[in-house]
Amino acid sequence: MADDFQSRIPPGQSLTRKFPVTGEKEPSHILTESNWELDLAGQRRLSLAALRAFPTETFTMDIHCVTSWSQLGMRFTGVRFRDLVRVVTIPEGTRFVRFEAYSSRGHDTSLPVDVALEDSWLVYEVDGQPLSVAHGFPVRVVTPSRYFYKSLKWLKAIAFLSEDRLGFWERGSGYHNRGDPWREERFDGERFTSSAETNDFRARDDYSDWRGRVVLKANLRGWDPRCRDLRGLALKACDFRDAALRGVRLEGANLTLANFQGADLREVDFSGADLEGASFSGARLDGAVFADNYLSAAVFEGLVSFTGARMTNPMGLLEAQEAYLREIGVLTQSP
């Protein structure tokens, strides 16, 4: 059975029984079963009751998040995309499907139409219970063959496209437009921060003009920044191994999938930072502050030192890391 489980876990993923929240926690406004409505390609508008009138299935699937967690055998209830679109006309020349969310930041994503027809569902229950708001109530998309950012929460509209359009995470964070977990297509290689840009970034005394930009897969190994105020920067999947970051301010930074192995992180303030998938193994965390962080698939085991480090309100922390942080006394509250 263990070997069977292992064969179902894509490269770079950590297994969990939790269902971590990803992205925003709430839609653009309060959605209810009575006010939710789906714009179906401009041809039909469906209420939740109308959606539930379609053939309904309860199905089991494995989910893989780009931040490195996987949960096997999740049980969802909903309507197959291919059953839904039988009531509308798919225009000739359609090659892609766009899903749009009830979202303050305009979240959307796209899939090739053949992938959506074969592998997408509109779901409203998980494990026999309605989706929580943070997980997309009342209706979300689930496409298990792709990383979970392709499974849009708070579905608002579906459109057919002849030409593809990059989605929110793909255009803003450099996530791969296909997102196949078995190919480990987390990021678009053409969006990686160049060596010249990285060298400029490393040498800066001020980062005002970098706020709002994404530094992606940059080599910041051994970095000792001149400016210790890195608050709110997006430094995704960057290599911070052996970096000298003692006392740096990283509140509100996006450090998804960052590698801090061997780094000096003493007295660093990570409050509000997104640390999903980040690795702290071998780091020094004495006096570091973690508060209100997304921590799904973050790795802490193997810390070199951690005296005085404290963690409050961690979100999405996986089981093994939670147990480790409790054992060493960094985490004293329930996540």
C-alpha atoms as a PDB file:
ATOM      1  CA  MET A   1       0.000   0.000   0.000  1.00  0.00           C
ATOM      2  CA  ALA A   2       2.856   2.400   0.847  1.00  0.00           C
ATOM      3  CA  ASP A   3       4.424   1.766  -2.571  1.00  0.00           C
ATOM      4  CA  ASP A   4       1.057   2.483  -4.198  1.00  0.00           C
ATOM      5  CA  PHE A   5       0.809   5.783  -2.321  1.00  0.00           C
ATOM      6  CA  GLN A   6       4.353   6.712  -3.323  1.00  0.00           C
ATOM      7  CA  SER A   7       3.601   6.115  -7.002  1.00  0.00           C
ATOM      8  CA  ARG A   8       0.739   8.631  -6.741  1.00  0.00           C
ATOM      9  CA  ILE A   9       2.870  11.474  -5.366  1.00  0.00           C
ATOM     10  CA  PRO A  10       4.487  13.715  -8.032  1.00  0.00           C
ATOM     11  CA  PRO A  11       8.110  14.860  -7.618  1.00  0.00           C
ATOM     12  CA  GLY A  12       8.749  17.470  -4.949  1.00  0.00           C
ATOM     13  CA  GLN A  13       5.443  16.941  -3.109  1.00  0.00           C
ATOM     14  CA  SER A  14       4.731  16.251   0.582  1.00  0.00           C
ATOM     15  CA  LEU A  15       1.792  14.072   1.601  1.00  0.00           C
ATOM     16  CA  THR A  16      -0.824  15.424   4.009  1.00  0.00           C
ATOM     17  CA  ARG A  17      -4.289  14.569   5.319  1.00  0.00           C
ATOM     18  CA  LYS A  18      -5.055  18.258   5.759  1.00  0.00           C
ATOM     19  CA  PHE A  19      -6.729  20.523   3.201  1.00  0.00           C
ATOM     20  CA  PRO A  20      -4.639  23.708   3.419  1.00  0.00           C
ATOM     21  CA  VAL A  21      -6.169  26.983   2.283  1.00  0.00           C
ATOM     22  CA  THR A  22      -4.437  28.420  -0.781  1.00  0.00           C
ATOM     23  CA  GLY A  23      -4.603  32.010  -2.016  1.00  0.00           C
ATOM     24  CA  GLU A  24      -7.360  34.345  -0.808  1.00  0.00           C
ATOM     25  CA  LYS A  25      -9.602  33.288   2.071  1.00  0.00           C
ATOM     26  CA  GLU A  26     -12.767  34.980   0.862  1.00  0.00           C
ATOM     27  CA  PRO A  27     -14.455  36.156  -2.340  1.00  0.00           C
ATOM     28  CA  SER A  28     -15.115  39.723  -3.444  1.00  0.00           C
ATOM     29  CA  HIS A  29     -18.422  39.786  -1.554  1.00  0.00           C
ATOM     30  CA  ILE A  30     -20.540  37.443   0.547  1.00  0.00           C
ATOM     31  CA  LEU A  31     -21.825  34.566  -1.574  1.00  0.00           C
ATOM     32  CA  THR A  32     -24.850  32.540  -0.566  1.00  0.00           C
ATOM     33  CA  GLU A  33     -26.743  29.637  -2.076  1.00  0.00           C
ATOM     34  CA  SER A  34     -29.412  32.100  -3.199  1.00  0.00           C
ATOM     35  CA  ASN A  35     -27.281  34.918  -4.654  1.00  0.00           C
ATOM     36  CA  TRP A  36     -24.600  32.854  -6.419  1.00  0.00           C
ATOM     37  CA  GLU A  37     -24.930  32.803 -10.198  1.00  0.00           C
ATOM     38  CA  LEU A  38     -22.808  31.382 -12.995  1.00  0.00           C
ATOM     39  CA  ASP A  39     -22.443  33.097 -16.363  1.00  0.00           C
ATOM     40  CA  LEU A  40     -22.075  30.182 -18.752  1.00  0.00           C
ATOM     41  CA  ALA A  41     -20.340  31.551 -21.846  1.00  0.00           C
ATOM     42  CA  GLY A  42     -22.799  34.429 -22.095  1.00  0.00           C
ATOM     43  CA  GLN A  43     -25.474  31.965 -23.209  1.00  0.00           C
ATOM     44  CA  ARG A  44     -27.010  30.861 -19.913  1.00  0.00           C
ATOM     45  CA  ARG A  45     -27.068  32.049 -16.324  1.00  0.00           C
ATOM     46  CA  LEU A  46     -27.334  29.301 -13.752  1.00  0.00           C
ATOM     47  CA  SER A  47     -28.343  29.447 -10.121  1.00  0.00           C
ATOM     48  CA  LEU A  48     -26.964  26.927  -7.638  1.00  0.00           C
ATOM     49  CA  ALA A  49     -30.277  25.049  -7.762  1.00  0.00           C
ATOM     50  CA  ALA A  50     -30.021  24.868 -11.556  1.00  0.00           C
ATOM     51  CA  LEU A  51     -26.445  23.595 -11.342  1.00  0.00           C
ATOM     52  CA  ARG A  52     -27.430  20.904  -8.847  1.00  0.00           C
ATOM     53  CA  ALA A  53     -30.138  19.748 -11.272  1.00  0.00           C
ATOM     54  CA  PHE A  54     -27.423  18.490 -13.647  1.00  0.00           C
ATOM     55  CA  PRO A  55     -26.205  14.890 -13.281  1.00  0.00           C
ATOM     56  CA  THR A  56     -24.218  14.860 -10.043  1.00  0.00           C
ATOM     57  CA  GLU A  57     -21.267  12.642  -9.169  1.00  0.00           C
ATOM     58  CA  THR A  58     -19.249  11.984  -6.044  1.00  0.00           C
ATOM     59  CA  PHE A  59     -15.715  11.152  -7.090  1.00  0.00           C
ATOM     60  CA  THR A  60     -12.332  10.526  -5.482  1.00  0.00           C
ATOM     61  CA  MET A  61      -9.162  12.185  -6.750  1.00  0.00           C
ATOM     62  CA  ASP A  62      -5.643  13.135  -5.741  1.00  0.00           C
ATOM     63  CA  ILE A  63      -4.904  16.852  -5.363  1.00  0.00           C
ATOM     64  CA  HIS A  64      -1.452  18.403  -5.809  1.00  0.00           C
ATOM     65  CA  CYS A  65      -0.743  22.028  -4.889  1.00  0.00           C
ATOM     66  CA  VAL A  66       2.090  23.987  -6.489  1.00  0.00           C
ATOM     67  CA  THR A  67       3.277  24.888  -2.972  1.00  0.00           C
ATOM     68  CA  SER A  68       4.266  21.213  -2.591  1.00  0.00           C
ATOM     69  CA  TRP A  69       1.473  19.522  -0.633  1.00  0.00           C
ATOM     70  CA  SER A  70      -0.542  16.583  -1.941  1.00  0.00           C
ATOM     71  CA  GLN A  71      -3.620  14.924  -0.489  1.00  0.00           C
ATOM     72  CA  LEU A  72      -4.605  11.568  -1.920  1.00  0.00           C
ATOM     73  CA  GLY A  73      -8.154  10.304  -2.283  1.00  0.00           C
ATOM     74  CA  MET A  74     -10.059  13.524  -1.692  1.00  0.00           C
ATOM     75  CA  ARG A  75     -13.817  13.072  -2.158  1.00  0.00           C
ATOM     76  CA  PHE A  76     -15.729  15.790  -4.003  1.00  0.00           C
ATOM     77  CA  THR A  77     -19.315  16.090  -5.202  1.00  0.00           C
ATOM     78  CA  GLY A  78     -20.313  18.128  -8.220  1.00  0.00           C
ATOM     79  CA  VAL A  79     -21.019  18.288 -11.946  1.00  0.00           C
ATOM     80  CA  ARG A  80     -18.673  17.321 -14.748  1.00  0.00           C
ATOM     81  CA  PHE A  81     -17.743  20.261 -16.954  1.00  0.00           C
ATOM     82  CA  ARG A  82     -18.542  18.237 -20.061  1.00  0.00           C
ATOM     83  CA  ASP A  83     -22.084  17.565 -18.793  1.00  0.00           C
ATOM     84  CA  LEU A  84     -22.584  21.229 -17.969  1.00  0.00           C
ATOM     85  CA  VAL A  85     -21.599  22.600 -21.380  1.00  0.00           C
ATOM     86  CA  ARG A  86     -24.011  20.332 -23.235  1.00  0.00           C
ATOM     87  CA  VAL A  87     -26.669  23.001 -22.672  1.00  0.00           C
ATOM     88  CA  VAL A  88     -24.707  25.667 -24.572  1.00  0.00           C
ATOM     89  CA  THR A  89     -22.989  25.935 -27.946  1.00  0.00           C
ATOM     90  CA  ILE A  90     -19.206  25.685 -27.967  1.00  0.00           C
ATOM     91  CA  PRO A  91     -18.208  28.077 -30.768  1.00  0.00           C
ATOM     92  CA  GLU A  92     -16.256  26.728 -33.701  1.00  0.00           C
ATOM     93  CA  GLY A  93     -12.559  27.377 -33.227  1.00  0.00           C
ATOM     94  CA  THR A  94     -12.703  27.132 -29.414  1.00  0.00           C
ATOM     95  CA  ARG A  95      -9.367  25.902 -28.096  1.00  0.00           C
ATOM     96  CA  PHE A  96      -9.409  27.071 -24.485  1.00  0.00           C
ATOM     97  CA  VAL A  97     -11.778  27.569 -21.572  1.00  0.00           C
ATOM     98  CA  ARG A  98     -11.434  30.493 -19.165  1.00  0.00           C
ATOM     99  CA  PHE A  99     -12.734  30.336 -15.589  1.00  0.00           C
ATOM    100  CA  GLU A 100     -13.333  33.616 -13.731  1.00  0.00           C
ATOM    101  CA  ALA A 101     -13.828  34.049  -9.978  1.00  0.00           C
ATOM    102  CA  TYR A 102     -15.839  36.283  -7.692  1.00  0.00           C
ATOM    103  CA  SER A 103     -12.555  37.796  -6.541  1.00  0.00           C
ATOM    104  CA  SER A 104     -11.408  41.262  -5.490  1.00  0.00           C
ATOM    105  CA  ARG A 105      -8.166  40.802  -7.429  1.00  0.00           C
ATOM    106  CA  GLY A 106      -9.788  39.315 -10.512  1.00  0.00           C
ATOM    107  CA  HIS A 107      -8.609  35.716 -10.231  1.00  0.00           C
ATOM    108  CA  ASP A 108      -9.008  33.629 -13.356  1.00  0.00           C
ATOM    109  CA  THR A 109      -7.311  30.740 -15.128  1.00  0.00           C
ATOM    110  CA  SER A 110      -7.541  28.854 -18.408  1.00  0.00           C
ATOM    111  CA  LEU A 111      -7.289  25.288 -19.659  1.00  0.00           C
ATOM    112  CA  PRO A 112      -7.210  23.686 -23.085  1.00  0.00           C
ATOM    113  CA  VAL A 113     -10.797  22.788 -23.889  1.00  0.00           C
ATOM    114  CA  ASP A 114      -9.978  19.090 -24.264  1.00  0.00           C
ATOM    115  CA  VAL A 115      -8.453  19.040 -20.750  1.00  0.00           C
ATOM    116  CA  ALA A 116     -11.514  20.762 -19.288  1.00  0.00           C
ATOM    117  CA  LEU A 117     -13.889  18.368 -21.047  1.00  0.00           C
ATOM    118  CA  GLU A 118     -11.948  15.330 -19.849  1.00  0.00           C
ATOM    119  CA  ASP A 119     -10.819  16.348 -16.381  1.00  0.00           C
ATOM    120  CA  SER A 120     -12.702  19.309 -14.872  1.00  0.00           C
ATOM    121  CA  TRP A 121     -15.603  19.364 -12.406  1.00  0.00           C
ATOM    122  CA  LEU A 122     -17.673  22.107 -10.830  1.00  0.00           C
ATOM    123  CA  VAL A 123     -17.822  21.014  -7.204  1.00  0.00           C
ATOM    124  CA  TYR A 124     -19.832  22.187  -4.204  1.00  0.00           C
ATOM    125  CA  GLU A 125     -19.085  19.529  -1.579  1.00  0.00           C
ATOM    126  CA  VAL A 126     -15.964  17.941  -0.107  1.00  0.00           C
ATOM    127  CA  ASP A 127     -16.232  14.833   2.063  1.00  0.00           C
ATOM    128  CA  GLY A 128     -20.011  15.132   2.031  1.00  0.00           C
ATOM    129  CA  GLN A 129     -20.061  18.705   3.357  1.00  0.00           C
ATOM    130  CA  PRO A 130     -20.481  22.033   1.546  1.00  0.00           C
ATOM    131  CA  LEU A 131     -17.221  23.738   0.652  1.00  0.00           C
ATOM    132  CA  SER A 132     -16.063  26.241   3.248  1.00  0.00           C
ATOM    133  CA  VAL A 133     -15.820  29.858   2.146  1.00  0.00           C
ATOM    134  CA  ALA A 134     -12.012  29.684   2.206  1.00  0.00           C
ATOM    135  CA  HIS A 135     -12.128  26.679  -0.125  1.00  0.00           C
ATOM    136  CA  GLY A 136     -14.485  28.233  -2.653  1.00  0.00           C
ATOM    137  CA  PHE A 137     -18.088  28.087  -1.383  1.00  0.00           C
ATOM    138  CA  PRO A 138     -20.483  27.726  -3.017  1.00  0.00           C
ATOM    139  CA  VAL A 139     -18.813  26.392  -6.217  1.00  0.00           C
ATOM    140  CA  ARG A 140     -15.252  25.894  -7.361  1.00  0.00           C
ATOM    141  CA  VAL A 141     -13.505  24.168 -10.257  1.00  0.00           C
ATOM    142  CA  VAL A 142     -11.388  21.058  -9.656  1.00  0.00           C
ATOM    143  CA  THR A 143      -8.983  19.797 -12.334  1.00  0.00           C
ATOM    144  CA  PRO A 144      -6.848  17.087 -10.683  1.00  0.00           C
ATOM    145  CA  SER A 145      -4.376  16.603 -13.546  1.00  0.00           C
ATOM    146  CA  ARG A 146      -3.046  20.133 -12.974  1.00  0.00           C
ATOM    147  CA  TYR A 147      -1.551  21.942  -9.989  1.00  0.00           C
ATOM    148  CA  PHE A 148      -4.293  23.254  -7.744  1.00  0.00           C
ATOM    149  CA  TYR A 149      -4.005  26.920  -8.825  1.00  0.00           C
ATOM    150  CA  LYS A 150      -5.798  25.745 -11.980  1.00  0.00           C
ATOM    151  CA  SER A 151      -8.780  24.763  -9.772  1.00  0.00           C
ATOM    152  CA  LEU A 152     -10.447  28.158  -9.365  1.00  0.00           C
ATOM    153  CA  LYS A 153     -12.419  29.090  -6.231  1.00  0.00           C
ATOM    154  CA  TRP A 154     -15.720  31.067  -6.149  1.00  0.00           C
ATOM    155  CA  LEU A 155     -16.558  30.388  -9.776  1.00  0.00           C
ATOM    156  CA  LYS A 156     -18.332  33.311 -11.441  1.00  0.00           C
ATOM    157  CA  ALA A 157     -18.113  32.821 -15.209  1.00  0.00           C
ATOM    158  CA  ILE A 158     -16.971  30.413 -17.910  1.00  0.00           C
ATOM    159  CA  ALA A 159     -15.868  31.630 -21.341  1.00  0.00           C
ATOM    160  CA  PHE A 160     -14.733  29.878 -24.516  1.00  0.00           C
ATOM    161  CA  LEU A 161     -11.571  31.228 -26.175  1.00  0.00           C
ATOM    162  CA  SER A 162      -9.969  30.741 -29.557  1.00  0.00           C
ATOM    163  CA  GLU A 163      -6.655  32.082 -28.179  1.00  0.00           C
ATOM    164  CA  ASP A 164      -5.297  31.414 -24.730  1.00  0.00           C
ATOM    165  CA  ARG A 165      -5.155  34.052 -22.013  1.00  0.00           C
ATOM    166  CA  LEU A 166      -2.826  33.798 -19.028  1.00  0.00           C
ATOM    167  CA  GLY A 167      -4.586  33.547 -15.691  1.00  0.00           C
ATOM    168  CA  PHE A 168      -4.036  35.531 -12.497  1.00  0.00           C
ATOM    169  CA  TRP A 169      -1.251  33.392 -11.025  1.00  0.00           C
ATOM    170  CA  GLU A 170       0.300  32.700 -14.410  1.00  0.00           C
ATOM    171  CA  ARG A 171       0.615  36.332 -15.454  1.00  0.00           C
ATOM    172  CA  GLY A 172       1.336  37.797 -12.016  1.00  0.00           C
ATOM    173  CA  SER A 173       3.515  35.178 -10.319  1.00  0.00           C
ATOM    174  CA  GLY A 174       5.124  33.344 -13.198  1.00  0.00           C
ATOM    175  CA  TYR A 175       3.317  30.059 -12.589  1.00  0.00           C
ATOM    176  CA  HIS A 176       3.462  27.671 -15.510  1.00  0.00           C
ATOM    177  CA  ASN A 177       0.506  27.980 -17.859  1.00  0.00           C
ATOM    178  CA  ARG A 178       0.110  24.207 -18.163  1.00  0.00           C
ATOM    179  CA  GLY A 179       0.941  23.238 -14.576  1.00  0.00           C
ATOM    180  CA  ASP A 180       1.419  19.482 -14.935  1.00  0.00           C
ATOM    181  CA  PRO A 181       2.580  18.222 -11.492  1.00  0.00           C
ATOM    182  CA  TRP A 182       4.150  15.084 -12.961  1.00  0.00           C
ATOM    183  CA  ARG A 183       6.435  17.278 -15.079  1.00  0.00           C
ATOM    184  CA  GLU A 184       6.920  19.580 -12.050  1.00  0.00           C
ATOM    185  CA  GLU A 185       5.772  22.552 -14.110  1.00  0.00           C
ATOM    186  CA  ARG A 186       5.549  24.999 -11.216  1.00  0.00           C
ATOM    187  CA  PHE A 187       6.979  28.077 -12.929  1.00  0.00           C
ATOM    188  CA  ASP A 188       7.474  29.387 -16.445  1.00  0.00           C
ATOM    189  CA  GLY A 189      11.227  29.283 -17.077  1.00  0.00           C
ATOM    190  CA  GLU A 190      11.023  32.301 -19.370  1.00  0.00           C
ATOM    191  CA  ARG A 191       9.856  34.379 -16.403  1.00  0.00           C
ATOM    192  CA  PHE A 192      12.835  33.621 -14.161  1.00  0.00           C
ATOM    193  CA  THR A 193      14.688  36.714 -12.952  1.00  0.00           C
ATOM    194  CA  SER A 194      17.798  37.128 -15.102  1.00  0.00           C
ATOM    195  CA  SER A 195      21.349  37.164 -13.772  1.00  0.00           C
ATOM    196  CA  ALA A 196      21.648  40.866 -14.580  1.00  0.00           C
ATOM    197  CA  GLU A 197      18.434  41.680 -12.716  1.00  0.00           C
ATOM    198  CA  THR A 198      19.533  39.498  -9.800  1.00  0.00           C
ATOM    199  CA  ASN A 199      22.887  41.266  -9.558  1.00  0.00           C
ATOM    200  CA  ASP A 200      21.109  44.633  -9.574  1.00  0.00           C
ATOM    201  CA  PHE A 201      18.709  43.428  -6.899  1.00  0.00           C
ATOM    202  CA  ARG A 202      21.475  42.103  -4.660  1.00  0.00           C
ATOM    203  CA  ALA A 203      23.338  45.428  -4.740  1.00  0.00           C
ATOM    204  CA  ARG A 204      20.409  47.725  -3.959  1.00  0.00           C
ATOM    205  CA  ASP A 205      20.233  50.112  -0.996  1.00  0.00           C
ATOM    206  CA  ASP A 206      16.496  50.561  -1.461  1.00  0.00           C
ATOM    207  CA  TYR A 207      13.741  48.311  -2.861  1.00  0.00           C
ATOM    208  CA  SER A 208      10.913  50.782  -3.376  1.00  0.00           C
ATOM    209  CA  ASP A 209      10.803  50.219  -7.137  1.00  0.00           C
ATOM    210  CA  TRP A 210      10.816  46.418  -6.697  1.00  0.00           C
ATOM    211  CA  ARG A 211       7.567  46.401  -4.772  1.00  0.00           C
ATOM    212  CA  GLY A 212       4.842  45.133  -7.064  1.00  0.00           C
ATOM    213  CA  ARG A 213       7.339  43.107  -9.124  1.00  0.00           C
ATOM    214  CA  VAL A 214       8.110  39.408  -8.726  1.00  0.00           C
ATOM    215  CA  VAL A 215      11.652  38.183  -8.201  1.00  0.00           C
ATOM    216  CA  LEU A 216      11.461  34.586  -9.387  1.00  0.00           C
ATOM    217  CA  LYS A 217      14.038  31.826  -8.948  1.00  0.00           C
ATOM    218  CA  ALA A 218      16.816  34.345  -8.269  1.00  0.00           C
ATOM    219  CA  ASN A 219      20.189  33.191  -6.931  1.00  0.00           C
ATOM    220  CA  LEU A 220      20.475  35.009  -3.590  1.00  0.00           C
ATOM    221  CA  ARG A 221      22.749  32.412  -2.076  1.00  0.00           C
ATOM    222  CA  GLY A 222      25.103  33.877   0.554  1.00  0.00           C
ATOM    223  CA  TRP A 223      23.430  37.294   0.195  1.00  0.00           C
ATOM    224  CA  ASP A 224      24.055  39.922   2.880  1.00  0.00           C
ATOM    225  CA  PRO A 225      21.627  42.682   1.857  1.00  0.00           C
ATOM    226  CA  ARG A 226      22.634  46.307   2.341  1.00  0.00           C
ATOM    227  CA  CYS A 227      19.012  47.251   2.919  1.00  0.00           C
ATOM    228  CA  ARG A 228      17.465  45.218   5.730  1.00  0.00           C
ATOM    229  CA  ASP A 229      13.906  46.271   4.914  1.00  0.00           C
ATOM    230  CA  LEU A 230      12.476  43.653   2.535  1.00  0.00           C
ATOM    231  CA  ARG A 231       8.874  44.038   3.680  1.00  0.00           C
ATOM    232  CA  GLY A 232       6.215  43.148   1.132  1.00  0.00           C
ATOM    233  CA  LEU A 233       8.604  41.981  -1.568  1.00  0.00           C
ATOM    234  CA  ALA A 234       7.706  39.000  -3.767  1.00  0.00           C
ATOM    235  CA  LEU A 235      10.769  36.740  -3.693  1.00  0.00           C
ATOM    236  CA  LYS A 236       9.297  33.487  -4.966  1.00  0.00           C
ATOM    237  CA  ALA A 237      11.296  30.247  -5.212  1.00  0.00           C
ATOM    238  CA  CYS A 238      14.527  32.162  -4.584  1.00  0.00           C
ATOM    239  CA  ASP A 239      17.714  30.508  -3.350  1.00  0.00           C
ATOM    240  CA  PHE A 240      18.655  32.030   0.038  1.00  0.00           C
ATOM    241  CA  ARG A 241      20.977  29.227   1.088  1.00  0.00           C
ATOM    242  CA  ASP A 242      23.643  30.460   3.545  1.00  0.00           C
ATOM    243  CA  ALA A 243      22.345  34.044   3.260  1.00  0.00           C
ATOM    244  CA  ALA A 244      23.196  36.493   6.071  1.00  0.00           C
ATOM    245  CA  LEU A 245      19.722  37.811   6.851  1.00  0.00           C
ATOM    246  CA  ARG A 246      19.981  38.434  10.580  1.00  0.00           C
ATOM    247  CA  GLY A 247      17.504  41.138  11.643  1.00  0.00           C
ATOM    248  CA  VAL A 248      16.005  41.549   8.179  1.00  0.00           C
ATOM    249  CA  ARG A 249      12.364  42.665   8.025  1.00  0.00           C
ATOM    250  CA  LEU A 250      10.319  40.322   5.868  1.00  0.00           C
ATOM    251  CA  GLU A 251       6.806  41.145   7.073  1.00  0.00           C
ATOM    252  CA  GLY A 252       4.219  40.544   4.374  1.00  0.00           C
ATOM    253  CA  ALA A 253       6.774  39.193   1.897  1.00  0.00           C
ATOM    254  CA  ASN A 254       5.878  36.420  -0.540  1.00  0.00           C
ATOM    255  CA  LEU A 255       8.536  33.761  -0.018  1.00  0.00           C
ATOM    256  CA  THR A 256       6.684  30.814  -1.531  1.00  0.00           C
ATOM    257  CA  LEU A 257       9.026  27.866  -2.195  1.00  0.00           C
ATOM    258  CA  ALA A 258      12.084  29.843  -1.014  1.00  0.00           C
ATOM    259  CA  ASN A 259      15.126  27.845   0.080  1.00  0.00           C
ATOM    260  CA  PHE A 260      16.593  29.117   3.369  1.00  0.00           C
ATOM    261  CA  GLN A 261      18.770  26.084   4.101  1.00  0.00           C
ATOM    262  CA  GLY A 262      21.765  27.090   6.170  1.00  0.00           C
ATOM    263  CA  ALA A 263      20.733  30.763   6.288  1.00  0.00           C
ATOM    264  CA  ASP A 264      21.204  33.042   9.297  1.00  0.00           C
ATOM    265  CA  LEU A 265      17.636  34.112  10.085  1.00  0.00           C
ATOM    266  CA  ARG A 266      18.133  35.243  13.677  1.00  0.00           C
ATOM    267  CA  GLU A 267      15.703  37.992  14.754  1.00  0.00           C
ATOM    268  CA  VAL A 268      14.012  38.006  11.336  1.00  0.00           C
ATOM    269  CA  ASP A 269      10.372  39.139  11.423  1.00  0.00           C
ATOM    270  CA  PHE A 270       8.305  36.951   9.082  1.00  0.00           C
ATOM    271  CA  SER A 271       4.918  38.263  10.295  1.00  0.00           C
ATOM    272  CA  GLY A 272       2.268  37.926   7.591  1.00  0.00           C
ATOM    273  CA  ALA A 273       4.722  36.466   5.079  1.00  0.00           C
ATOM    274  CA  ASP A 274       3.647  33.718   2.679  1.00  0.00           C
ATOM    275  CA  LEU A 275       5.998  30.824   3.426  1.00  0.00           C
ATOM    276  CA  GLU A 276       4.233  27.996   1.610  1.00  0.00           C
ATOM    277  CA  GLY A 277       6.704  25.359   0.518  1.00  0.00           C
ATOM    278  CA  ALA A 278       9.695  27.228   1.979  1.00  0.00           C
ATOM    279  CA  SER A 279      12.581  25.194   3.430  1.00  0.00           C
ATOM    280  CA  PHE A 280      14.260  26.236   6.691  1.00  0.00           C
ATOM    281  CA  SER A 281      16.207  23.030   7.244  1.00  0.00           C
ATOM    282  CA  GLY A 282      19.679  23.799   8.617  1.00  0.00           C
ATOM    283  CA  ALA A 283      18.832  27.454   9.280  1.00  0.00           C
ATOM    284  CA  ARG A 284      19.398  29.515  12.448  1.00  0.00           C
ATOM    285  CA  LEU A 285      16.091  30.907  13.713  1.00  0.00           C
ATOM    286  CA  ASP A 286      16.960  32.277  17.164  1.00  0.00           C
ATOM    287  CA  GLY A 287      14.532  35.080  18.009  1.00  0.00           C
ATOM    288  CA  ALA A 288      12.681  34.835  14.693  1.00  0.00           C
ATOM    289  CA  VAL A 289       9.016  35.823  14.673  1.00  0.00           C
ATOM    290  CA  PHE A 290       6.369  33.880  12.733  1.00  0.00           C
ATOM    291  CA  ALA A 291       2.808  35.197  12.935  1.00  0.00           C
ATOM    292  CA  ASP A 292      -0.186  34.732  10.648  1.00  0.00           C
ATOM    293  CA  ASN A 293       1.820  32.879   8.008  1.00  0.00           C
ATOM    294  CA  TYR A 294       0.694  30.530   5.263  1.00  0.00           C
ATOM    295  CA  LEU A 295       2.935  27.516   5.934  1.00  0.00           C
ATOM    296  CA  SER A 296       1.573  24.628   3.870  1.00  0.00           C
ATOM    297  CA  ALA A 297       4.447  22.286   2.938  1.00  0.00           C
ATOM    298  CA  ALA A 298       7.024  24.508   4.671  1.00  0.00           C
ATOM    299  CA  VAL A 299       9.897  22.418   6.117  1.00  0.00           C
ATOM    300  CA  PHE A 300      11.511  23.176   9.491  1.00  0.00           C
ATOM    301  CA  GLU A 301      13.013  19.843  10.529  1.00  0.00           C
ATOM    302  CA  GLY A 302      16.758  20.030  11.084  1.00  0.00           C
ATOM    303  CA  LEU A 303      17.034  23.589  12.430  1.00  0.00           C
ATOM    304  CA  VAL A 304      20.506  24.414  13.713  1.00  0.00           C
ATOM    305  CA  SER A 305      19.264  26.771  16.444  1.00  0.00           C
ATOM    306  CA  PHE A 306      15.924  28.284  17.428  1.00  0.00           C
ATOM    307  CA  THR A 307      16.220  29.787  20.936  1.00  0.00           C
ATOM    308  CA  GLY A 308      13.479  32.381  21.429  1.00  0.00           C
ATOM    309  CA  ALA A 309      11.816  31.723  18.067  1.00  0.00           C
ATOM    310  CA  ARG A 310       8.042  31.903  18.308  1.00  0.00           C
ATOM    311  CA  MET A 311       5.154  31.034  16.029  1.00  0.00           C
ATOM    312  CA  THR A 312       1.524  32.146  16.347  1.00  0.00           C
ATOM    313  CA  ASN A 313      -1.478  31.407  14.150  1.00  0.00           C
ATOM    314  CA  PRO A 314       0.263  29.219  11.551  1.00  0.00           C
ATOM    315  CA  MET A 315      -1.976  28.353   8.610  1.00  0.00           C
ATOM    316  CA  GLY A 316      -1.699  25.100   6.678  1.00  0.00           C
ATOM    317  CA  LEU A 317       1.252  23.658   8.574  1.00  0.00           C
ATOM    318  CA  LEU A 318       1.553  19.981   7.656  1.00  0.00           C
ATOM    319  CA  GLU A 319       1.451  17.227  10.246  1.00  0.00           C
ATOM    320  CA  ALA A 320       5.136  16.270  10.494  1.00  0.00           C
ATOM    321  CA  GLN A 321       6.297  19.887  10.730  1.00  0.00           C
ATOM    322  CA  GLU A 322       3.653  20.727  13.315  1.00  0.00           C
ATOM    323  CA  ALA A 323       4.839  17.822  15.470  1.00  0.00           C
ATOM    324  CA  TYR A 324       8.487  18.881  15.115  1.00  0.00           C
ATOM    325  CA  LEU A 325       7.819  22.519  16.023  1.00  0.00           C
ATOM    326  CA  ARG A 326       5.804  21.432  19.045  1.00  0.00           C
ATOM    327  CA  GLU A 327       8.569  19.109  20.158  1.00  0.00           C
ATOM    328  CA  ILE A 328      11.199  21.855  20.088  1.00  0.00           C
ATOM    329  CA  GLY A 329       8.868  24.399  21.729  1.00  0.00           C
ATOM    330  CA  VAL A 330       8.576  26.913  18.889  1.00  0.00           C
ATOM    331  CA  LEU A 331       4.878  26.186  18.405  1.00  0.00           C
ATOM    332  CA  THR A 332       2.797  26.135  21.584  1.00  0.00           C
ATOM    333  CA  GLN A 333      -0.665  26.899  20.188  1.00  0.00           C
ATOM    334  CA  SER A 334      -2.903  24.835  17.939  1.00  0.00           C
ATOM    335  CA  PRO A 335      -2.744  25.819  14.261  1.00  0.00           C
END
